[in-house]
Amino acid sequence: MLDITVKTFFQLSLEELYFILQLRSEVFVVEQDCVYQDVDSKDQIALHVIGKKEDTVIAYTRIFKPGDYFKEASIGRVVVSKNERHFKYGHQLMIASIKAIEDAYETKEIKLSAQKYLEDFYTNLGFKTIGESYLEDGIPHIAMVKN
């Protein structure tokens, strides 16, 4: 079971921020072999959903209110440490992220840009595919929404 907290950028400790950025870099840049600008000045306006196991950040998403990223509220930078994925923490993390959006922004309409290979994962959480797949940073993605 993950210990999940939701924080604004300014509530993050320096250590939490460091480990969040380390995890995002470890997975999105190194593991997925994708050179892109992860630190994009959007962290300051996001809410950060942090999953810890034994005080170590192993899972994370950032969420946005409607209009900050997409017209709808949104979830991005969904990541679970490679060594922890077999515990299925991604599902628990997403449920917490959806609830955080509903609580903080009082909406159930959520959009995300999913890596194509995770389409079934998000479908099982109630998201529906919209449009055609597209390349984002060289990786196939699909837009998905939940109402």
N, C-alpha and C. Protein backbone atom coordinates (compact mmCIF):
# COMPACT_ATOMS: atom_id res chain seq x y z
N MET A 1 0.84 -1.19 0.00
CA MET A 1 0.00 0.00 0.00
C MET A 1 0.88 1.25 0.00
N LEU A 2 0.52 2.17 -0.87
CA LEU A 2 1.25 3.43 -0.95
C LEU A 2 0.74 4.43 0.08
N ASP A 3 1.64 5.25 0.56
CA ASP A 3 1.27 6.41 1.37
C ASP A 3 1.20 7.57 0.38
N ILE A 4 -0.02 8.05 0.09
CA ILE A 4 -0.20 9.07 -0.94
C ILE A 4 -0.56 10.41 -0.30
N THR A 5 0.14 11.46 -0.74
CA THR A 5 -0.16 12.82 -0.31
C THR A 5 -0.31 13.70 -1.54
N VAL A 6 -1.06 14.78 -1.39
CA VAL A 6 -1.24 15.77 -2.45
C VAL A 6 -0.74 17.10 -1.92
N LYS A 7 0.15 17.73 -2.68
CA LYS A 7 0.76 18.99 -2.24
C LYS A 7 0.87 19.98 -3.39
N THR A 8 0.83 21.26 -3.03
CA THR A 8 1.17 22.28 -4.01
C THR A 8 2.69 22.27 -4.18
N PHE A 9 3.17 22.96 -5.19
CA PHE A 9 4.61 23.05 -5.42
C PHE A 9 5.31 23.63 -4.19
N PHE A 10 4.70 24.65 -3.59
CA PHE A 10 5.34 25.34 -2.49
C PHE A 10 5.26 24.58 -1.17
N GLN A 11 4.45 23.52 -1.12
CA GLN A 11 4.39 22.66 0.06
C GLN A 11 5.42 21.53 -0.02
N LEU A 12 5.99 21.30 -1.19
CA LEU A 12 6.99 20.24 -1.34
C LEU A 12 8.26 20.61 -0.58
N SER A 13 8.84 19.63 0.10
CA SER A 13 10.16 19.87 0.68
C SER A 13 11.18 19.79 -0.45
N LEU A 14 12.36 20.34 -0.21
CA LEU A 14 13.41 20.24 -1.23
C LEU A 14 13.74 18.78 -1.53
N GLU A 15 13.74 17.96 -0.50
CA GLU A 15 14.04 16.54 -0.69
C GLU A 15 12.96 15.86 -1.54
N GLU A 16 11.68 16.16 -1.27
CA GLU A 16 10.60 15.58 -2.08
C GLU A 16 10.73 16.01 -3.53
N LEU A 17 10.96 17.30 -3.77
CA LEU A 17 11.12 17.80 -5.13
C LEU A 17 12.28 17.09 -5.83
N TYR A 18 13.38 16.95 -5.13
CA TYR A 18 14.55 16.27 -5.71
C TYR A 18 14.19 14.84 -6.13
N PHE A 19 13.52 14.09 -5.24
CA PHE A 19 13.21 12.69 -5.55
C PHE A 19 12.12 12.56 -6.61
N ILE A 20 11.20 13.53 -6.68
CA ILE A 20 10.21 13.53 -7.77
C ILE A 20 10.91 13.73 -9.11
N LEU A 21 11.76 14.74 -9.18
CA LEU A 21 12.48 15.01 -10.44
C LEU A 21 13.41 13.86 -10.80
N GLN A 22 14.02 13.25 -9.80
CA GLN A 22 14.88 12.10 -10.05
C GLN A 22 14.08 10.94 -10.64
N LEU A 23 12.91 10.65 -10.06
CA LEU A 23 12.06 9.56 -10.57
C LEU A 23 11.59 9.86 -11.98
N ARG A 24 11.14 11.06 -12.24
CA ARG A 24 10.69 11.42 -13.59
C ARG A 24 11.83 11.27 -14.59
N SER A 25 13.01 11.73 -14.24
CA SER A 25 14.17 11.61 -15.14
C SER A 25 14.56 10.15 -15.35
N GLU A 26 14.55 9.38 -14.28
CA GLU A 26 14.91 7.95 -14.33
C GLU A 26 14.03 7.20 -15.32
N VAL A 27 12.73 7.50 -15.32
CA VAL A 27 11.79 6.76 -16.18
C VAL A 27 11.64 7.42 -17.54
N PHE A 28 11.29 8.71 -17.58
CA PHE A 28 10.96 9.35 -18.85
C PHE A 28 12.16 9.65 -19.73
N VAL A 29 13.31 9.94 -19.13
CA VAL A 29 14.49 10.28 -19.91
C VAL A 29 15.39 9.06 -20.13
N VAL A 30 15.76 8.38 -19.03
CA VAL A 30 16.72 7.29 -19.13
C VAL A 30 16.06 6.00 -19.62
N GLU A 31 15.06 5.49 -18.87
CA GLU A 31 14.43 4.21 -19.23
C GLU A 31 13.78 4.26 -20.60
N GLN A 32 13.06 5.36 -20.90
CA GLN A 32 12.37 5.46 -22.18
C GLN A 32 13.24 6.07 -23.27
N ASP A 33 14.49 6.35 -22.93
CA ASP A 33 15.46 6.89 -23.89
C ASP A 33 14.87 8.05 -24.68
N CYS A 34 14.35 9.04 -23.96
CA CYS A 34 13.67 10.17 -24.57
C CYS A 34 14.25 11.48 -24.03
N VAL A 35 14.93 12.20 -24.88
CA VAL A 35 15.49 13.47 -24.47
C VAL A 35 14.41 14.54 -24.65
N TYR A 36 13.95 15.11 -23.54
CA TYR A 36 12.95 16.17 -23.61
C TYR A 36 13.09 17.04 -22.37
N GLN A 37 12.46 18.20 -22.39
CA GLN A 37 12.55 19.14 -21.28
C GLN A 37 11.49 18.82 -20.24
N ASP A 38 11.86 18.02 -19.24
CA ASP A 38 10.92 17.63 -18.19
C ASP A 38 10.58 18.80 -17.27
N VAL A 39 11.56 19.58 -16.91
CA VAL A 39 11.35 20.74 -16.04
C VAL A 39 10.85 21.86 -16.95
N ASP A 40 9.51 22.05 -16.93
CA ASP A 40 8.85 22.88 -17.94
C ASP A 40 8.12 24.10 -17.39
N SER A 41 8.39 24.47 -16.15
CA SER A 41 7.76 25.62 -15.50
C SER A 41 6.26 25.42 -15.24
N LYS A 42 5.76 24.19 -15.40
CA LYS A 42 4.36 23.92 -15.09
C LYS A 42 4.20 23.30 -13.69
N ASP A 43 5.30 22.84 -13.12
CA ASP A 43 5.23 22.25 -11.78
C ASP A 43 4.71 23.25 -10.75
N GLN A 44 5.03 24.52 -10.95
CA GLN A 44 4.63 25.54 -9.98
C GLN A 44 3.12 25.73 -9.90
N ILE A 45 2.38 25.42 -10.97
CA ILE A 45 0.93 25.60 -10.95
C ILE A 45 0.17 24.29 -10.76
N ALA A 46 0.89 23.18 -10.71
CA ALA A 46 0.26 21.86 -10.56
C ALA A 46 0.08 21.50 -9.09
N LEU A 47 -0.81 20.53 -8.86
CA LEU A 47 -0.83 19.82 -7.59
C LEU A 47 -0.06 18.54 -7.82
N HIS A 48 0.70 18.12 -6.83
CA HIS A 48 1.58 16.97 -6.95
C HIS A 48 1.05 15.83 -6.10
N VAL A 49 0.80 14.70 -6.75
CA VAL A 49 0.29 13.50 -6.08
C VAL A 49 1.48 12.57 -5.92
N ILE A 50 1.89 12.37 -4.68
CA ILE A 50 3.14 11.68 -4.38
C ILE A 50 2.86 10.37 -3.67
N GLY A 51 3.36 9.28 -4.23
CA GLY A 51 3.23 7.97 -3.60
C GLY A 51 4.56 7.56 -3.00
N LYS A 52 4.54 7.33 -1.69
CA LYS A 52 5.77 6.92 -1.00
C LYS A 52 5.59 5.52 -0.42
N LYS A 53 6.68 4.81 -0.40
CA LYS A 53 6.76 3.50 0.25
C LYS A 53 7.99 3.56 1.14
N GLU A 54 7.79 3.39 2.42
CA GLU A 54 8.89 3.49 3.39
C GLU A 54 9.66 4.80 3.21
N ASP A 55 8.92 5.90 3.11
CA ASP A 55 9.47 7.26 2.97
C ASP A 55 10.25 7.50 1.68
N THR A 56 10.13 6.62 0.70
CA THR A 56 10.80 6.80 -0.58
C THR A 56 9.75 7.07 -1.65
N VAL A 57 9.97 8.12 -2.46
CA VAL A 57 9.05 8.43 -3.55
C VAL A 57 9.20 7.37 -4.63
N ILE A 58 8.10 6.62 -4.87
CA ILE A 58 8.16 5.57 -5.89
C ILE A 58 7.08 5.74 -6.96
N ALA A 59 6.16 6.69 -6.73
CA ALA A 59 5.08 6.91 -7.68
C ALA A 59 4.67 8.38 -7.63
N TYR A 60 4.18 8.88 -8.77
CA TYR A 60 3.92 10.32 -8.83
C TYR A 60 3.02 10.65 -10.02
N THR A 61 2.17 11.66 -9.84
CA THR A 61 1.50 12.35 -10.95
C THR A 61 1.45 13.83 -10.60
N ARG A 62 1.22 14.63 -11.61
CA ARG A 62 0.89 16.02 -11.34
C ARG A 62 -0.45 16.29 -12.00
N ILE A 63 -1.27 17.11 -11.33
CA ILE A 63 -2.61 17.38 -11.82
C ILE A 63 -2.80 18.88 -11.99
N PHE A 64 -3.69 19.23 -12.93
CA PHE A 64 -3.94 20.63 -13.25
C PHE A 64 -5.43 20.91 -13.24
N LYS A 65 -5.78 22.13 -12.85
CA LYS A 65 -7.17 22.54 -12.91
C LYS A 65 -7.55 22.81 -14.37
N PRO A 66 -8.85 22.82 -14.66
CA PRO A 66 -9.28 23.12 -16.03
C PRO A 66 -8.68 24.44 -16.52
N GLY A 67 -8.16 24.41 -17.75
CA GLY A 67 -7.60 25.60 -18.35
C GLY A 67 -6.11 25.78 -18.15
N ASP A 68 -5.50 25.06 -17.21
CA ASP A 68 -4.05 25.21 -16.98
C ASP A 68 -3.22 24.42 -17.99
N TYR A 69 -3.72 23.31 -18.47
CA TYR A 69 -2.97 22.48 -19.42
C TYR A 69 -3.85 22.17 -20.62
N PHE A 70 -5.02 21.62 -20.34
CA PHE A 70 -6.07 21.40 -21.34
C PHE A 70 -7.29 22.19 -20.89
N LYS A 71 -8.32 22.21 -21.74
CA LYS A 71 -9.59 22.84 -21.36
C LYS A 71 -10.14 22.15 -20.11
N GLU A 72 -9.98 20.82 -20.05
CA GLU A 72 -10.43 20.03 -18.91
C GLU A 72 -9.33 19.97 -17.84
N ALA A 73 -9.69 19.52 -16.64
CA ALA A 73 -8.66 19.19 -15.65
C ALA A 73 -7.79 18.10 -16.26
N SER A 74 -6.57 17.95 -15.79
CA SER A 74 -5.71 16.95 -16.42
C SER A 74 -4.74 16.31 -15.44
N ILE A 75 -4.28 15.13 -15.84
CA ILE A 75 -3.29 14.36 -15.10
C ILE A 75 -2.11 14.13 -16.03
N GLY A 76 -0.91 14.34 -15.54
CA GLY A 76 0.28 14.13 -16.35
C GLY A 76 1.44 13.59 -15.52
N ARG A 77 2.53 13.30 -16.23
CA ARG A 77 3.75 12.78 -15.61
C ARG A 77 3.45 11.59 -14.70
N VAL A 78 2.57 10.71 -15.17
CA VAL A 78 2.21 9.51 -14.40
C VAL A 78 3.42 8.57 -14.42
N VAL A 79 3.94 8.25 -13.24
CA VAL A 79 5.16 7.46 -13.19
C VAL A 79 5.19 6.59 -11.93
N VAL A 80 5.65 5.36 -12.12
CA VAL A 80 5.92 4.45 -11.02
C VAL A 80 7.32 3.89 -11.25
N SER A 81 8.11 3.85 -10.21
CA SER A 81 9.47 3.31 -10.30
C SER A 81 9.44 1.90 -10.90
N LYS A 82 10.35 1.62 -11.79
CA LYS A 82 10.39 0.33 -12.50
C LYS A 82 10.37 -0.86 -11.54
N ASN A 83 11.10 -0.77 -10.46
CA ASN A 83 11.18 -1.89 -9.51
C ASN A 83 9.91 -2.10 -8.70
N GLU A 84 8.96 -1.16 -8.79
CA GLU A 84 7.73 -1.23 -7.99
C GLU A 84 6.48 -1.49 -8.83
N ARG A 85 6.61 -1.56 -10.14
CA ARG A 85 5.44 -1.68 -11.01
C ARG A 85 4.66 -2.98 -10.82
N HIS A 86 5.35 -4.04 -10.47
CA HIS A 86 4.66 -5.33 -10.32
C HIS A 86 3.68 -5.34 -9.15
N PHE A 87 3.73 -4.32 -8.28
CA PHE A 87 2.77 -4.20 -7.18
C PHE A 87 1.48 -3.51 -7.61
N LYS A 88 1.42 -3.06 -8.87
CA LYS A 88 0.22 -2.40 -9.42
C LYS A 88 -0.11 -1.08 -8.71
N TYR A 89 0.92 -0.34 -8.30
CA TYR A 89 0.71 0.93 -7.63
C TYR A 89 0.13 1.99 -8.57
N GLY A 90 0.29 1.80 -9.88
CA GLY A 90 -0.23 2.77 -10.84
C GLY A 90 -1.73 2.96 -10.70
N HIS A 91 -2.45 1.88 -10.47
CA HIS A 91 -3.90 1.95 -10.32
C HIS A 91 -4.26 2.77 -9.07
N GLN A 92 -3.61 2.47 -7.97
CA GLN A 92 -3.86 3.19 -6.71
C GLN A 92 -3.52 4.68 -6.88
N LEU A 93 -2.43 4.96 -7.54
CA LEU A 93 -1.99 6.34 -7.78
C LEU A 93 -3.01 7.10 -8.63
N MET A 94 -3.53 6.46 -9.68
CA MET A 94 -4.50 7.11 -10.54
C MET A 94 -5.82 7.35 -9.83
N ILE A 95 -6.27 6.39 -9.04
CA ILE A 95 -7.50 6.58 -8.26
C ILE A 95 -7.34 7.80 -7.34
N ALA A 96 -6.20 7.92 -6.69
CA ALA A 96 -5.93 9.06 -5.81
C ALA A 96 -5.87 10.37 -6.60
N SER A 97 -5.31 10.32 -7.81
CA SER A 97 -5.20 11.51 -8.64
C SER A 97 -6.57 11.98 -9.12
N ILE A 98 -7.42 11.03 -9.52
CA ILE A 98 -8.78 11.35 -9.94
C ILE A 98 -9.55 11.98 -8.77
N LYS A 99 -9.43 11.38 -7.60
CA LYS A 99 -10.11 11.92 -6.40
C LYS A 99 -9.59 13.31 -6.06
N ALA A 100 -8.28 13.52 -6.21
CA ALA A 100 -7.70 14.83 -5.90
C ALA A 100 -8.27 15.90 -6.85
N ILE A 101 -8.46 15.55 -8.11
CA ILE A 101 -9.06 16.49 -9.07
C ILE A 101 -10.50 16.78 -8.67
N GLU A 102 -11.25 15.74 -8.36
CA GLU A 102 -12.65 15.93 -7.96
C GLU A 102 -12.75 16.81 -6.71
N ASP A 103 -11.88 16.58 -5.74
CA ASP A 103 -11.90 17.35 -4.48
C ASP A 103 -11.41 18.79 -4.67
N ALA A 104 -10.28 18.96 -5.34
CA ALA A 104 -9.65 20.27 -5.44
C ALA A 104 -10.33 21.16 -6.47
N TYR A 105 -10.78 20.57 -7.59
CA TYR A 105 -11.28 21.37 -8.70
C TYR A 105 -12.78 21.19 -8.95
N GLU A 106 -13.41 20.33 -8.16
CA GLU A 106 -14.85 20.09 -8.24
C GLU A 106 -15.31 19.79 -9.66
N THR A 107 -14.61 18.89 -10.33
CA THR A 107 -14.98 18.45 -11.67
C THR A 107 -14.66 16.97 -11.81
N LYS A 108 -15.40 16.31 -12.68
CA LYS A 108 -15.12 14.91 -12.99
C LYS A 108 -14.59 14.77 -14.41
N GLU A 109 -14.52 15.89 -15.14
CA GLU A 109 -14.03 15.87 -16.51
C GLU A 109 -12.51 16.00 -16.50
N ILE A 110 -11.84 14.95 -16.97
CA ILE A 110 -10.37 14.88 -16.90
C ILE A 110 -9.85 14.45 -18.27
N LYS A 111 -8.77 15.06 -18.70
CA LYS A 111 -8.12 14.69 -19.96
C LYS A 111 -6.67 14.34 -19.67
N LEU A 112 -6.15 13.39 -20.42
CA LEU A 112 -4.73 13.07 -20.34
C LEU A 112 -4.20 12.67 -21.69
N SER A 113 -2.92 12.80 -21.83
CA SER A 113 -2.20 12.38 -23.03
C SER A 113 -1.45 11.11 -22.65
N ALA A 114 -2.01 9.96 -23.02
CA ALA A 114 -1.49 8.67 -22.57
C ALA A 114 -0.50 8.09 -23.58
N GLN A 115 0.54 7.45 -23.06
CA GLN A 115 1.37 6.67 -23.96
C GLN A 115 0.50 5.54 -24.50
N LYS A 116 0.56 5.33 -25.79
CA LYS A 116 -0.36 4.42 -26.49
C LYS A 116 -0.38 3.03 -25.85
N TYR A 117 0.75 2.53 -25.42
CA TYR A 117 0.79 1.17 -24.87
C TYR A 117 0.03 1.06 -23.53
N LEU A 118 -0.32 2.21 -22.92
CA LEU A 118 -1.06 2.21 -21.66
C LEU A 118 -2.56 2.49 -21.85
N GLU A 119 -3.03 2.46 -23.09
CA GLU A 119 -4.42 2.78 -23.38
C GLU A 119 -5.39 1.88 -22.60
N ASP A 120 -5.14 0.59 -22.53
CA ASP A 120 -6.01 -0.33 -21.79
C ASP A 120 -6.01 -0.02 -20.29
N PHE A 121 -4.85 0.33 -19.75
CA PHE A 121 -4.74 0.69 -18.33
C PHE A 121 -5.68 1.85 -18.01
N TYR A 122 -5.65 2.90 -18.83
CA TYR A 122 -6.49 4.07 -18.59
C TYR A 122 -7.96 3.77 -18.90
N THR A 123 -8.22 2.94 -19.89
CA THR A 123 -9.60 2.54 -20.20
C THR A 123 -10.22 1.86 -18.99
N ASN A 124 -9.46 1.02 -18.31
CA ASN A 124 -9.95 0.33 -17.11
C ASN A 124 -10.25 1.29 -15.96
N LEU A 125 -9.74 2.50 -16.03
CA LEU A 125 -9.99 3.53 -15.02
C LEU A 125 -11.13 4.46 -15.44
N GLY A 126 -11.77 4.15 -16.58
CA GLY A 126 -12.92 4.94 -17.02
C GLY A 126 -12.62 5.99 -18.08
N PHE A 127 -11.40 6.02 -18.60
CA PHE A 127 -11.06 6.98 -19.66
C PHE A 127 -11.45 6.41 -21.02
N LYS A 128 -11.80 7.31 -21.94
CA LYS A 128 -12.15 6.91 -23.30
C LYS A 128 -11.21 7.61 -24.27
N THR A 129 -10.82 6.87 -25.29
CA THR A 129 -9.92 7.40 -26.31
C THR A 129 -10.65 8.41 -27.19
N ILE A 130 -9.98 9.52 -27.49
CA ILE A 130 -10.52 10.47 -28.45
C ILE A 130 -9.46 10.74 -29.52
N GLY A 131 -9.88 10.74 -30.76
CA GLY A 131 -8.97 11.06 -31.85
C GLY A 131 -8.00 9.93 -32.18
N GLU A 132 -7.04 10.30 -32.99
CA GLU A 132 -6.02 9.36 -33.48
C GLU A 132 -4.76 9.47 -32.62
N SER A 133 -3.95 8.43 -32.70
CA SER A 133 -2.68 8.48 -31.96
C SER A 133 -1.74 9.49 -32.63
N TYR A 134 -0.79 9.98 -31.87
CA TYR A 134 0.15 10.99 -32.34
C TYR A 134 1.49 10.78 -31.62
N LEU A 135 2.53 11.36 -32.18
CA LEU A 135 3.84 11.28 -31.56
C LEU A 135 4.05 12.49 -30.65
N GLU A 136 4.48 12.22 -29.43
CA GLU A 136 4.86 13.27 -28.49
C GLU A 136 6.25 12.91 -28.00
N ASP A 137 7.22 13.75 -28.28
CA ASP A 137 8.62 13.48 -27.93
C ASP A 137 9.07 12.14 -28.49
N GLY A 138 8.57 11.79 -29.69
CA GLY A 138 8.98 10.57 -30.37
C GLY A 138 8.31 9.30 -29.87
N ILE A 139 7.35 9.42 -28.94
CA ILE A 139 6.66 8.26 -28.37
C ILE A 139 5.18 8.32 -28.76
N PRO A 140 4.60 7.21 -29.25
CA PRO A 140 3.17 7.22 -29.61
C PRO A 140 2.29 7.49 -28.39
N HIS A 141 1.37 8.45 -28.54
CA HIS A 141 0.43 8.85 -27.49
C HIS A 141 -0.98 8.85 -28.04
N ILE A 142 -1.94 8.89 -27.13
CA ILE A 142 -3.36 8.99 -27.49
C ILE A 142 -4.03 9.91 -26.46
N ALA A 143 -4.91 10.78 -26.92
CA ALA A 143 -5.67 11.63 -25.99
C ALA A 143 -6.82 10.79 -25.42
N MET A 144 -7.07 10.96 -24.13
CA MET A 144 -8.13 10.22 -23.45
C MET A 144 -8.86 11.16 -22.50
N VAL A 145 -10.18 10.94 -22.34
CA VAL A 145 -10.97 11.75 -21.42
C VAL A 145 -11.83 10.87 -20.53
N LYS A 146 -12.14 11.42 -19.37
CA LYS A 146 -13.03 10.77 -18.40
C LYS A 146 -14.05 11.82 -17.97
N ASN A 147 -15.33 11.45 -17.98
CA ASN A 147 -16.38 12.39 -17.58
C ASN A 147 -17.05 11.93 -16.31
